[in-house]
C-alpha cells in the first residue's frame, strides 16, 4: 500500500532499529520528516517521543507515522505502551487494541534514556 500525505505526496515509514525509532520520510527527496522513538522492554514497546519537523507540519505525517508504527508493533507481537502524548491520544482516539497504560517501571526506563 502506498502511503500519501494530505497533499497526495508519497511518504514512507520505516523502522530504524539502530536508532530505536520509526521514521517517516519522502522517498523522492530522501528526506526524513519525523520519527517516533521507542524502547523495547520484554514483550512491550514503549513509545516515548514523536517529532515531525516544523517545515512538514499540517501534512498528516505524525498520524501516518504513528499508525504505521503501531501496526508494525502489533504485527511483531508486542504490546504498545504509549508514554508520548501524541501516541496516547492516537491510541485512544482510534480505539487501538493491543496497548496497556505505562507503569512506574516504564516511566523510569524512559527517564533513564533522557
PDB file of N, CA and C in Angstrom:
ATOM      1  N   UNK A   1       0.838  -1.190   0.000  1.00  0.00           N
ATOM      2  CA  UNK A   1       0.000   0.000   0.000  1.00  0.00           C
ATOM      3  C   UNK A   1       0.878   1.247   0.000  1.00  0.00           C
ATOM      4  N   UNK A   2       0.570   2.172  -0.852  1.00  0.00           N
ATOM      5  CA  UNK A   2       1.302   3.430  -0.919  1.00  0.00           C
ATOM      6  C   UNK A   2       0.717   4.401   0.093  1.00  0.00           C
ATOM      7  N   UNK A   3       1.584   4.977   0.905  1.00  0.00           N
ATOM      8  CA  UNK A   3       1.165   5.981   1.881  1.00  0.00           C
ATOM      9  C   UNK A   3       1.308   7.360   1.259  1.00  0.00           C
ATOM     10  N   UNK A   4       0.313   8.229   1.524  1.00  0.00           N
ATOM     11  CA  UNK A   4       0.351   9.577   0.968  1.00  0.00           C
ATOM     12  C   UNK A   4      -0.053  10.584   2.034  1.00  0.00           C
ATOM     13  N   UNK A   5       0.616  11.738   2.012  1.00  0.00           N
ATOM     14  CA  UNK A   5       0.268  12.797   2.947  1.00  0.00           C
ATOM     15  C   UNK A   5      -1.011  13.498   2.482  1.00  0.00           C
ATOM     16  N   UNK A   6      -1.411  14.532   3.205  1.00  0.00           N
ATOM     17  CA  UNK A   6      -2.656  15.244   2.883  1.00  0.00           C
ATOM     18  C   UNK A   6      -2.624  15.933   1.519  1.00  0.00           C
ATOM     19  N   UNK A   7      -1.440  16.074   0.957  1.00  0.00           N
ATOM     20  CA  UNK A   7      -1.306  16.724  -0.338  1.00  0.00           C
ATOM     21  C   UNK A   7      -1.036  15.720  -1.452  1.00  0.00           C
ATOM     22  N   UNK A   8      -1.292  14.436  -1.144  1.00  0.00           N
ATOM     23  CA  UNK A   8      -1.188  13.335  -2.110  1.00  0.00           C
ATOM     24  C   UNK A   8       0.256  13.068  -2.554  1.00  0.00           C
ATOM     25  N   UNK A   9       1.201  13.417  -1.701  1.00  0.00           N
ATOM     26  CA  UNK A   9       2.609  13.139  -1.976  1.00  0.00           C
ATOM     27  C   UNK A   9       2.994  11.845  -1.265  1.00  0.00           C
ATOM     28  N   UNK A  10       3.711  10.992  -1.965  1.00  0.00           N
ATOM     29  CA  UNK A  10       4.077   9.701  -1.390  1.00  0.00           C
ATOM     30  C   UNK A  10       5.039   9.857  -0.219  1.00  0.00           C
ATOM     31  N   UNK A  11       4.755   9.099   0.851  1.00  0.00           N
ATOM     32  CA  UNK A  11       5.635   9.048   2.016  1.00  0.00           C
ATOM     33  C   UNK A  11       5.908   7.590   2.358  1.00  0.00           C
ATOM     34  N   UNK A  12       6.941   7.373   3.137  1.00  0.00           N
ATOM     35  CA  UNK A  12       7.293   6.019   3.572  1.00  0.00           C
ATOM     36  C   UNK A  12       7.554   6.034   5.068  1.00  0.00           C
ATOM     37  N   UNK A  13       7.236   4.915   5.721  1.00  0.00           N
ATOM     38  CA  UNK A  13       7.539   4.746   7.136  1.00  0.00           C
ATOM     39  C   UNK A  13       8.413   3.512   7.263  1.00  0.00           C
ATOM     40  N   UNK A  14       9.520   3.664   7.985  1.00  0.00           N
ATOM     41  CA  UNK A  14      10.430   2.544   8.188  1.00  0.00           C
ATOM     42  C   UNK A  14      10.864   2.489   9.652  1.00  0.00           C
ATOM     43  N   UNK A  15      11.289   1.306  10.070  1.00  0.00           N
ATOM     44  CA  UNK A  15      11.769   1.105  11.426  1.00  0.00           C
ATOM     45  C   UNK A  15      13.295   1.155  11.398  1.00  0.00           C
ATOM     46  N   UNK A  16      13.851   2.209  11.949  1.00  0.00           N
ATOM     47  CA  UNK A  16      15.301   2.333  12.067  1.00  0.00           C
ATOM     48  C   UNK A  16      15.684   1.691  13.405  1.00  0.00           C
ATOM     49  N   UNK A  17      15.947   0.397  13.371  1.00  0.00           N
ATOM     50  CA  UNK A  17      16.194  -0.351  14.608  1.00  0.00           C
ATOM     51  C   UNK A  17      17.456   0.103  15.315  1.00  0.00           C
ATOM     52  N   UNK A  18      18.456   0.578  14.578  1.00  0.00           N
ATOM     53  CA  UNK A  18      19.685   1.061  15.214  1.00  0.00           C
ATOM     54  C   UNK A  18      19.420   2.272  16.102  1.00  0.00           C
ATOM     55  N   UNK A  19      18.491   3.114  15.673  1.00  0.00           N
ATOM     56  CA  UNK A  19      18.155   4.315  16.450  1.00  0.00           C
ATOM     57  C   UNK A  19      16.934   4.109  17.346  1.00  0.00           C
ATOM     58  N   UNK A  20      16.302   2.953  17.273  1.00  0.00           N
ATOM     59  CA  UNK A  20      15.083   2.655  18.044  1.00  0.00           C
ATOM     60  C   UNK A  20      14.005   3.693  17.762  1.00  0.00           C
ATOM     61  N   UNK A  21      13.721   3.857  16.473  1.00  0.00           N
ATOM     62  CA  UNK A  21      12.660   4.785  16.100  1.00  0.00           C
ATOM     63  C   UNK A  21      12.101   4.439  14.730  1.00  0.00           C
ATOM     64  N   UNK A  22      10.812   4.706  14.594  1.00  0.00           N
ATOM     65  CA  UNK A  22      10.171   4.634  13.287  1.00  0.00           C
ATOM     66  C   UNK A  22      10.341   6.007  12.669  1.00  0.00           C
ATOM     67  N   UNK A  23      10.584   6.033  11.360  1.00  0.00           N
ATOM     68  CA  UNK A  23      10.821   7.295  10.671  1.00  0.00           C
ATOM     69  C   UNK A  23       9.861   7.449   9.498  1.00  0.00           C
ATOM     70  N   UNK A  24       9.375   8.658   9.312  1.00  0.00           N
ATOM     71  CA  UNK A  24       8.541   8.974   8.158  1.00  0.00           C
ATOM     72  C   UNK A  24       9.381   9.854   7.241  1.00  0.00           C
ATOM     73  N   UNK A  25       9.333   9.525   5.949  1.00  0.00           N
ATOM     74  CA  UNK A  25      10.175  10.254   5.010  1.00  0.00           C
ATOM     75  C   UNK A  25       9.478  10.415   3.671  1.00  0.00           C
ATOM     76  N   UNK A  26      10.066  11.292   2.880  1.00  0.00           N
ATOM     77  CA  UNK A  26       9.647  11.471   1.498  1.00  0.00           C
ATOM     78  C   UNK A  26      10.685  10.769   0.639  1.00  0.00           C
ATOM     79  N   UNK A  27      10.365   9.575   0.113  1.00  0.00           N
ATOM     80  CA  UNK A  27      11.351   8.799  -0.641  1.00  0.00           C
ATOM     81  C   UNK A  27      11.896   9.518  -1.865  1.00  0.00           C
ATOM     82  N   UNK A  28      11.076  10.323  -2.494  1.00  0.00           N
ATOM     83  CA  UNK A  28      11.508  11.031  -3.702  1.00  0.00           C
ATOM     84  C   UNK A  28      12.693  11.951  -3.415  1.00  0.00           C
ATOM     85  N   UNK A  29      12.682  12.576  -2.217  1.00  0.00           N
ATOM     86  CA  UNK A  29      13.741  13.515  -1.851  1.00  0.00           C
ATOM     87  C   UNK A  29      14.733  12.916  -0.853  1.00  0.00           C
ATOM     88  N   UNK A  30      14.451  11.702  -0.365  1.00  0.00           N
ATOM     89  CA  UNK A  30      15.276  11.056   0.669  1.00  0.00           C
ATOM     90  C   UNK A  30      15.387  11.938   1.909  1.00  0.00           C
ATOM     91  N   UNK A  31      14.278  12.596   2.247  1.00  0.00           N
ATOM     92  CA  UNK A  31      14.250  13.493   3.392  1.00  0.00           C
ATOM     93  C   UNK A  31      13.428  12.859   4.509  1.00  0.00           C
ATOM     94  N   UNK A  32      14.041  12.722   5.690  1.00  0.00           N
ATOM     95  CA  UNK A  32      13.308  12.239   6.857  1.00  0.00           C
ATOM     96  C   UNK A  32      12.568  13.413   7.471  1.00  0.00           C
ATOM     97  N   UNK A  33      11.257  13.263   7.621  1.00  0.00           N
ATOM     98  CA  UNK A  33      10.422  14.353   8.106  1.00  0.00           C
ATOM     99  C   UNK A  33      10.143  14.264   9.601  1.00  0.00           C
ATOM    100  N   UNK A  34      10.262  13.063  10.168  1.00  0.00           N
ATOM    101  CA  UNK A  34       9.972  12.917  11.585  1.00  0.00           C
ATOM    102  C   UNK A  34      10.221  11.504  12.058  1.00  0.00           C
ATOM    103  N   UNK A  35      10.047  11.318  13.376  1.00  0.00           N
ATOM    104  CA  UNK A  35      10.282   9.999  13.956  1.00  0.00           C
ATOM    105  C   UNK A  35       9.431   9.784  15.205  1.00  0.00           C
ATOM    106  N   UNK A  36       9.244   8.521  15.538  1.00  0.00           N
ATOM    107  CA  UNK A  36       8.593   8.107  16.781  1.00  0.00           C
ATOM    108  C   UNK A  36       9.577   7.183  17.494  1.00  0.00           C
ATOM    109  N   UNK A  37      10.149   7.679  18.595  1.00  0.00           N
ATOM    110  CA  UNK A  37      11.165   6.935  19.332  1.00  0.00           C
ATOM    111  C   UNK A  37      10.520   5.932  20.274  1.00  0.00           C
ATOM    112  N   UNK A  38      11.188   4.785  20.430  1.00  0.00           N
ATOM    113  CA  UNK A  38      10.652   3.732  21.293  1.00  0.00           C
ATOM    114  C   UNK A  38      11.759   2.997  22.030  1.00  0.00           C
ATOM    115  N   UNK A  39      11.348   2.293  23.057  1.00  0.00           N
ATOM    116  CA  UNK A  39      12.211   1.381  23.804  1.00  0.00           C
ATOM    117  C   UNK A  39      11.484   0.051  23.890  1.00  0.00           C
ATOM    118  N   UNK A  40      12.187  -1.028  23.616  1.00  0.00           N
ATOM    119  CA  UNK A  40      11.597  -2.351  23.775  1.00  0.00           C
ATOM    120  C   UNK A  40      11.951  -2.891  25.150  1.00  0.00           C
ATOM    121  N   UNK A  41      10.933  -3.410  25.843  1.00  0.00           N
ATOM    122  CA  UNK A  41      11.132  -3.999  27.164  1.00  0.00           C
ATOM    123  C   UNK A  41      10.281  -5.261  27.238  1.00  0.00           C
ATOM    124  N   UNK A  42      10.940  -6.426  27.207  1.00  0.00           N
ATOM    125  CA  UNK A  42      10.190  -7.678  27.217  1.00  0.00           C
ATOM    126  C   UNK A  42       9.290  -7.765  26.006  1.00  0.00           C
ATOM    127  N   UNK A  43       8.000  -7.969  26.257  1.00  0.00           N
ATOM    128  CA  UNK A  43       7.040  -8.066  25.160  1.00  0.00           C
ATOM    129  C   UNK A  43       6.305  -6.753  24.900  1.00  0.00           C
ATOM    130  N   UNK A  44       6.905  -5.645  25.346  1.00  0.00           N
ATOM    131  CA  UNK A  44       6.293  -4.326  25.184  1.00  0.00           C
ATOM    132  C   UNK A  44       7.202  -3.388  24.405  1.00  0.00           C
ATOM    133  N   UNK A  45       6.588  -2.469  23.695  1.00  0.00           N
ATOM    134  CA  UNK A  45       7.330  -1.402  23.007  1.00  0.00           C
ATOM    135  C   UNK A  45       6.780  -0.079  23.540  1.00  0.00           C
ATOM    136  N   UNK A  46       7.648   0.649  24.211  1.00  0.00           N
ATOM    137  CA  UNK A  46       7.275   1.909  24.846  1.00  0.00           C
ATOM    138  C   UNK A  46       7.570   3.054  23.873  1.00  0.00           C
ATOM    139  N   UNK A  47       6.533   3.730  23.422  1.00  0.00           N
ATOM    140  CA  UNK A  47       6.697   4.906  22.571  1.00  0.00           C
ATOM    141  C   UNK A  47       6.741   6.132  23.477  1.00  0.00           C
ATOM    142  N   UNK A  48       7.880   6.858  23.441  1.00  0.00           N
ATOM    143  CA  UNK A  48       8.045   7.954  24.390  1.00  0.00           C
ATOM    144  C   UNK A  48       8.230   9.337  23.762  1.00  0.00           C
ATOM    145  N   UNK A  49       8.450   9.414  22.450  1.00  0.00           N
ATOM    146  CA  UNK A  49       8.655  10.738  21.853  1.00  0.00           C
ATOM    147  C   UNK A  49       8.358  10.687  20.357  1.00  0.00           C
ATOM    148  N   UNK A  50       7.531  11.612  19.895  1.00  0.00           N
ATOM    149  CA  UNK A  50       7.214  11.714  18.473  1.00  0.00           C
ATOM    150  C   UNK A  50       7.482  13.143  18.020  1.00  0.00           C
ATOM    151  N   UNK A  51       8.189  13.279  16.897  1.00  0.00           N
ATOM    152  CA  UNK A  51       8.542  14.592  16.377  1.00  0.00           C
ATOM    153  C   UNK A  51       8.361  14.596  14.867  1.00  0.00           C
ATOM    154  N   UNK A  52       7.749  15.660  14.364  1.00  0.00           N
ATOM    155  CA  UNK A  52       7.726  15.930  12.927  1.00  0.00           C
ATOM    156  C   UNK A  52       8.246  17.352  12.777  1.00  0.00           C
ATOM    157  N   UNK A  53       9.200  17.530  11.877  1.00  0.00           N
ATOM    158  CA  UNK A  53       9.799  18.852  11.685  1.00  0.00           C
ATOM    159  C   UNK A  53       8.758  19.911  11.366  1.00  0.00           C
ATOM    160  N   UNK A  54       8.979  21.113  11.876  1.00  0.00           N
ATOM    161  CA  UNK A  54       8.032  22.216  11.663  1.00  0.00           C
ATOM    162  C   UNK A  54       7.734  22.445  10.186  1.00  0.00           C
ATOM    163  N   UNK A  55       8.757  22.273   9.353  1.00  0.00           N
ATOM    164  CA  UNK A  55       8.566  22.520   7.916  1.00  0.00           C
ATOM    165  C   UNK A  55       7.652  21.482   7.262  1.00  0.00           C
ATOM    166  N   UNK A  56       7.351  20.389   7.996  1.00  0.00           N
ATOM    167  CA  UNK A  56       6.471  19.346   7.468  1.00  0.00           C
ATOM    168  C   UNK A  56       5.108  19.338   8.157  1.00  0.00           C
ATOM    169  N   UNK A  57       4.853  20.313   8.989  1.00  0.00           N
ATOM    170  CA  UNK A  57       3.606  20.375   9.747  1.00  0.00           C
ATOM    171  C   UNK A  57       2.381  20.514   8.860  1.00  0.00           C
ATOM    172  N   UNK A  58       1.262  20.024   9.355  1.00  0.00           N
ATOM    173  CA  UNK A  58      -0.017  20.164   8.660  1.00  0.00           C
ATOM    174  C   UNK A  58      -0.238  19.218   7.506  1.00  0.00           C
ATOM    175  N   UNK A  59       0.633  18.236   7.359  1.00  0.00           N
ATOM    176  CA  UNK A  59       0.512  17.292   6.246  1.00  0.00           C
ATOM    177  C   UNK A  59       0.007  15.923   6.690  1.00  0.00           C
ATOM    178  N   UNK A  60      -0.278  15.779   7.981  1.00  0.00           N
ATOM    179  CA  UNK A  60      -0.787  14.497   8.480  1.00  0.00           C
ATOM    180  C   UNK A  60       0.298  13.453   8.714  1.00  0.00           C
ATOM    181  N   UNK A  61       1.558  13.890   8.717  1.00  0.00           N
ATOM    182  CA  UNK A  61       2.651  12.931   8.822  1.00  0.00           C
ATOM    183  C   UNK A  61       2.721  12.236  10.171  1.00  0.00           C
ATOM    184  N   UNK A  62       2.453  12.945  11.253  1.00  0.00           N
ATOM    185  CA  UNK A  62       2.520  12.319  12.580  1.00  0.00           C
ATOM    186  C   UNK A  62       1.503  11.180  12.687  1.00  0.00           C
ATOM    187  N   UNK A  63       0.311  11.400  12.177  1.00  0.00           N
ATOM    188  CA  UNK A  63      -0.713  10.348  12.221  1.00  0.00           C
ATOM    189  C   UNK A  63      -0.330   9.146  11.367  1.00  0.00           C
ATOM    190  N   UNK A  64       0.218   9.404  10.185  1.00  0.00           N
ATOM    191  CA  UNK A  64       0.669   8.305   9.314  1.00  0.00           C
ATOM    192  C   UNK A  64       1.781   7.536  10.007  1.00  0.00           C
ATOM    193  N   UNK A  65       2.747   8.263  10.549  1.00  0.00           N
ATOM    194  CA  UNK A  65       3.892   7.658  11.235  1.00  0.00           C
ATOM    195  C   UNK A  65       3.438   6.775  12.391  1.00  0.00           C
ATOM    196  N   UNK A  66       2.607   7.313  13.262  1.00  0.00           N
ATOM    197  CA  UNK A  66       2.177   6.562  14.441  1.00  0.00           C
ATOM    198  C   UNK A  66       1.297   5.385  14.041  1.00  0.00           C
ATOM    199  N   UNK A  67       0.411   5.573  13.092  1.00  0.00           N
ATOM    200  CA  UNK A  67      -0.437   4.473  12.633  1.00  0.00           C
ATOM    201  C   UNK A  67       0.404   3.297  12.140  1.00  0.00           C
ATOM    202  N   UNK A  68       1.380   3.592  11.298  1.00  0.00           N
ATOM    203  CA  UNK A  68       2.231   2.530  10.747  1.00  0.00           C
ATOM    204  C   UNK A  68       3.120   1.905  11.823  1.00  0.00           C
ATOM    205  N   UNK A  69       3.623   2.713  12.736  1.00  0.00           N
ATOM    206  CA  UNK A  69       4.462   2.197  13.826  1.00  0.00           C
ATOM    207  C   UNK A  69       3.665   1.265  14.728  1.00  0.00           C
ATOM    208  N   UNK A  70       2.421   1.631  15.018  1.00  0.00           N
ATOM    209  CA  UNK A  70       1.583   0.785  15.870  1.00  0.00           C
ATOM    210  C   UNK A  70       1.216  -0.521  15.168  1.00  0.00           C
ATOM    211  N   UNK A  71       0.927  -0.443  13.871  1.00  0.00           N
ATOM    212  CA  UNK A  71       0.638  -1.669  13.110  1.00  0.00           C
ATOM    213  C   UNK A  71       1.833  -2.616  13.133  1.00  0.00           C
ATOM    214  N   UNK A  72       3.021  -2.075  12.872  1.00  0.00           N
ATOM    215  CA  UNK A  72       4.233  -2.903  12.848  1.00  0.00           C
ATOM    216  C   UNK A  72       4.513  -3.505  14.220  1.00  0.00           C
ATOM    217  N   UNK A  73       4.249  -2.745  15.256  1.00  0.00           N
ATOM    218  CA  UNK A  73       4.470  -3.231  16.621  1.00  0.00           C
ATOM    219  C   UNK A  73       3.517  -4.372  16.942  1.00  0.00           C
ATOM    220  N   UNK A  74       2.264  -4.195  16.559  1.00  0.00           N
ATOM    221  CA  UNK A  74       1.270  -5.248  16.792  1.00  0.00           C
ATOM    222  C   UNK A  74       1.618  -6.503  15.988  1.00  0.00           C
ATOM    223  N   UNK A  75       2.038  -6.318  14.730  1.00  0.00           N
ATOM    224  CA  UNK A  75       2.416  -7.451  13.880  1.00  0.00           C
ATOM    225  C   UNK A  75       3.629  -8.198  14.446  1.00  0.00           C
ATOM    226  N   UNK A  76       4.488  -7.475  15.180  1.00  0.00           N
ATOM    227  CA  UNK A  76       5.666  -8.089  15.794  1.00  0.00           C
ATOM    228  C   UNK A  76       5.311  -8.814  17.098  1.00  0.00           C
ATOM    229  N   UNK A  77       4.030  -8.748  17.483  1.00  0.00           N
ATOM    230  CA  UNK A  77       3.585  -9.424  18.692  1.00  0.00           C
ATOM    231  C   UNK A  77       3.900  -8.673  19.970  1.00  0.00           C
ATOM    232  N   UNK A  78       4.164  -7.384  19.841  1.00  0.00           N
ATOM    233  CA  UNK A  78       4.491  -6.568  21.010  1.00  0.00           C
ATOM    234  C   UNK A  78       3.299  -5.725  21.442  1.00  0.00           C
ATOM    235  N   UNK A  79       3.244  -5.435  22.726  1.00  0.00           N
ATOM    236  CA  UNK A  79       2.203  -4.576  23.288  1.00  0.00           C
ATOM    237  C   UNK A  79       2.693  -3.132  23.237  1.00  0.00           C
ATOM    238  N   UNK A  80       1.849  -2.242  22.764  1.00  0.00           N
ATOM    239  CA  UNK A  80       2.164  -0.819  22.701  1.00  0.00           C
ATOM    240  C   UNK A  80       1.975  -0.202  24.088  1.00  0.00           C
ATOM    241  N   UNK A  81       2.970   0.582  24.511  1.00  0.00           N
ATOM    242  CA  UNK A  81       2.884   1.338  25.754  1.00  0.00           C
ATOM    243  C   UNK A  81       3.063   2.812  25.391  1.00  0.00           C
ATOM    244  N   UNK A  82       1.956   3.578  25.361  1.00  0.00           N
ATOM    245  CA  UNK A  82       2.040   4.968  24.924  1.00  0.00           C
ATOM    246  C   UNK A  82       2.392   5.934  26.060  1.00  0.00           C
ATOM    247  N   UNK A  83       3.647   6.375  26.090  1.00  0.00           N
ATOM    248  CA  UNK A  83       4.072   7.413  27.025  1.00  0.00           C
ATOM    249  C   UNK A  83       3.980   8.772  26.334  1.00  0.00           C
ATOM    250  N   UNK A  84       4.345   8.822  25.078  1.00  0.00           N
ATOM    251  CA  UNK A  84       4.253  10.040  24.278  1.00  0.00           C
ATOM    252  C   UNK A  84       2.798  10.504  24.205  1.00  0.00           C
ATOM    253  N   UNK A  85       2.521  11.784  24.503  1.00  0.00           N
ATOM    254  CA  UNK A  85       1.139  12.269  24.454  1.00  0.00           C
ATOM    255  C   UNK A  85       0.466  12.080  23.094  1.00  0.00           C
ATOM    256  N   UNK A  86       1.213  12.253  22.001  1.00  0.00           N
ATOM    257  CA  UNK A  86       0.603  12.086  20.680  1.00  0.00           C
ATOM    258  C   UNK A  86       0.192  10.632  20.466  1.00  0.00           C
ATOM    259  N   UNK A  87       1.068   9.695  20.810  1.00  0.00           N
ATOM    260  CA  UNK A  87       0.751   8.268  20.648  1.00  0.00           C
ATOM    261  C   UNK A  87      -0.424   7.896  21.549  1.00  0.00           C
ATOM    262  N   UNK A  88      -0.427   8.394  22.779  1.00  0.00           N
ATOM    263  CA  UNK A  88      -1.524   8.117  23.715  1.00  0.00           C
ATOM    264  C   UNK A  88      -2.853   8.602  23.130  1.00  0.00           C
ATOM    265  N   UNK A  89      -2.856   9.822  22.621  1.00  0.00           N
ATOM    266  CA  UNK A  89      -4.073  10.373  22.024  1.00  0.00           C
ATOM    267  C   UNK A  89      -4.518   9.584  20.809  1.00  0.00           C
ATOM    268  N   UNK A  90      -3.569   9.164  19.987  1.00  0.00           N
ATOM    269  CA  UNK A  90      -3.883   8.391  18.786  1.00  0.00           C
ATOM    270  C   UNK A  90      -4.519   7.058  19.161  1.00  0.00           C
ATOM    271  N   UNK A  91      -3.936   6.387  20.146  1.00  0.00           N
ATOM    272  CA  UNK A  91      -4.442   5.086  20.593  1.00  0.00           C
ATOM    273  C   UNK A  91      -5.884   5.224  21.093  1.00  0.00           C
ATOM    274  N   UNK A  92      -6.120   6.234  21.900  1.00  0.00           N
ATOM    275  CA  UNK A  92      -7.460   6.439  22.472  1.00  0.00           C
ATOM    276  C   UNK A  92      -8.465   6.864  21.403  1.00  0.00           C
ATOM    277  N   UNK A  93      -8.081   7.789  20.545  1.00  0.00           N
ATOM    278  CA  UNK A  93      -8.984   8.308  19.504  1.00  0.00           C
ATOM    279  C   UNK A  93      -9.383   7.226  18.505  1.00  0.00           C
ATOM    280  N   UNK A  94      -8.456   6.323  18.199  1.00  0.00           N
ATOM    281  CA  UNK A  94      -8.691   5.315  17.170  1.00  0.00           C
ATOM    282  C   UNK A  94      -9.047   3.940  17.724  1.00  0.00           C
ATOM    283  N   UNK A  95      -9.316   3.864  19.025  1.00  0.00           N
ATOM    284  CA  UNK A  95      -9.699   2.604  19.675  1.00  0.00           C
ATOM    285  C   UNK A  95      -8.737   1.474  19.304  1.00  0.00           C
ATOM    286  N   UNK A  96      -7.441   1.789  19.347  1.00  0.00           N
ATOM    287  CA  UNK A  96      -6.409   0.809  19.016  1.00  0.00           C
ATOM    288  C   UNK A  96      -6.390  -0.283  20.076  1.00  0.00           C
ATOM    289  N   UNK A  97      -6.385  -1.523  19.620  1.00  0.00           N
ATOM    290  CA  UNK A  97      -6.303  -2.648  20.540  1.00  0.00           C
ATOM    291  C   UNK A  97      -4.869  -3.136  20.592  1.00  0.00           C
ATOM    292  N   UNK A  98      -4.444  -3.588  21.753  1.00  0.00           N
ATOM    293  CA  UNK A  98      -3.084  -4.098  21.872  1.00  0.00           C
ATOM    294  C   UNK A  98      -2.158  -3.132  22.574  1.00  0.00           C
ATOM    295  N   UNK A  99      -2.711  -2.369  23.511  1.00  0.00           N
ATOM    296  CA  UNK A  99      -1.862  -1.469  24.275  1.00  0.00           C
ATOM    297  C   UNK A  99      -2.188  -1.584  25.756  1.00  0.00           C
ATOM    298  N   UNK A 100      -1.272  -1.101  26.566  1.00  0.00           N
ATOM    299  CA  UNK A 100      -1.510  -1.008  28.004  1.00  0.00           C
ATOM    300  C   UNK A 100      -0.972   0.332  28.491  1.00  0.00           C
ATOM    301  N   UNK A 101      -1.479   0.772  29.619  1.00  0.00           N
ATOM    302  CA  UNK A 101      -1.012   2.029  30.194  1.00  0.00           C
ATOM    303  C   UNK A 101       0.394   1.840  30.754  1.00  0.00           C
ATOM    304  N   UNK A 102       1.208   2.884  30.687  1.00  0.00           N
ATOM    305  CA  UNK A 102       2.556   2.780  31.232  1.00  0.00           C
ATOM    306  C   UNK A 102       2.533   2.629  32.750  1.00  0.00           C
ATOM    307  N   UNK A 103       3.485   1.861  33.269  1.00  0.00           N
ATOM    308  CA  UNK A 103       3.609   1.714  34.714  1.00  0.00           C
ATOM    309  C   UNK A 103       4.876   2.443  35.186  1.00  0.00           C
ATOM    310  N   UNK A 104       5.144   2.346  36.471  1.00  0.00           N
ATOM    311  CA  UNK A 104       6.288   3.050  37.056  1.00  0.00           C
ATOM    312  C   UNK A 104       7.606   2.605  36.419  1.00  0.00           C
ATOM    313  N   UNK A 105       7.772   1.308  36.208  1.00  0.00           N
ATOM    314  CA  UNK A 105       9.000   0.784  35.578  1.00  0.00           C
ATOM    315  C   UNK A 105       9.203   1.367  34.181  1.00  0.00           C
ATOM    316  N   UNK A 106       8.112   1.449  33.419  1.00  0.00           N
ATOM    317  CA  UNK A 106       8.194   2.029  32.069  1.00  0.00           C
ATOM    318  C   UNK A 106       8.689   3.473  32.132  1.00  0.00           C
ATOM    319  N   UNK A 107       8.115   4.224  33.055  1.00  0.00           N
ATOM    320  CA  UNK A 107       8.468   5.639  33.167  1.00  0.00           C
ATOM    321  C   UNK A 107       9.926   5.806  33.600  1.00  0.00           C
ATOM    322  N   UNK A 108      10.383   4.956  34.493  1.00  0.00           N
ATOM    323  CA  UNK A 108      11.789   5.022  34.933  1.00  0.00           C
ATOM    324  C   UNK A 108      12.729   4.690  33.780  1.00  0.00           C
ATOM    325  N   UNK A 109      12.357   3.712  32.970  1.00  0.00           N
ATOM    326  CA  UNK A 109      13.175   3.351  31.800  1.00  0.00           C
ATOM    327  C   UNK A 109      13.276   4.516  30.830  1.00  0.00           C
ATOM    328  N   UNK A 110      12.163   5.164  30.583  1.00  0.00           N
ATOM    329  CA  UNK A 110      12.151   6.323  29.677  1.00  0.00           C
ATOM    330  C   UNK A 110      13.029   7.433  30.249  1.00  0.00           C
ATOM    331  N   UNK A 111      12.878   7.721  31.532  1.00  0.00           N
ATOM    332  CA  UNK A 111      13.684   8.789  32.162  1.00  0.00           C
ATOM    333  C   UNK A 111      15.177   8.488  32.054  1.00  0.00           C
ATOM    334  N   UNK A 112      15.537   7.233  32.136  1.00  0.00           N
ATOM    335  CA  UNK A 112      16.955   6.850  32.065  1.00  0.00           C
ATOM    336  C   UNK A 112      17.549   7.093  30.679  1.00  0.00           C
ATOM    337  N   UNK A 113      16.695   7.216  29.671  1.00  0.00           N
ATOM    338  CA  UNK A 113      17.144   7.434  28.296  1.00  0.00           C
ATOM    339  C   UNK A 113      17.294   8.904  27.949  1.00  0.00           C
ATOM    340  N   UNK A 114      16.783   9.753  28.804  1.00  0.00           N
ATOM    341  CA  UNK A 114      16.773  11.189  28.513  1.00  0.00           C
ATOM    342  C   UNK A 114      18.047  11.852  28.997  1.00  0.00           C
TER     343      UNK A 114
END
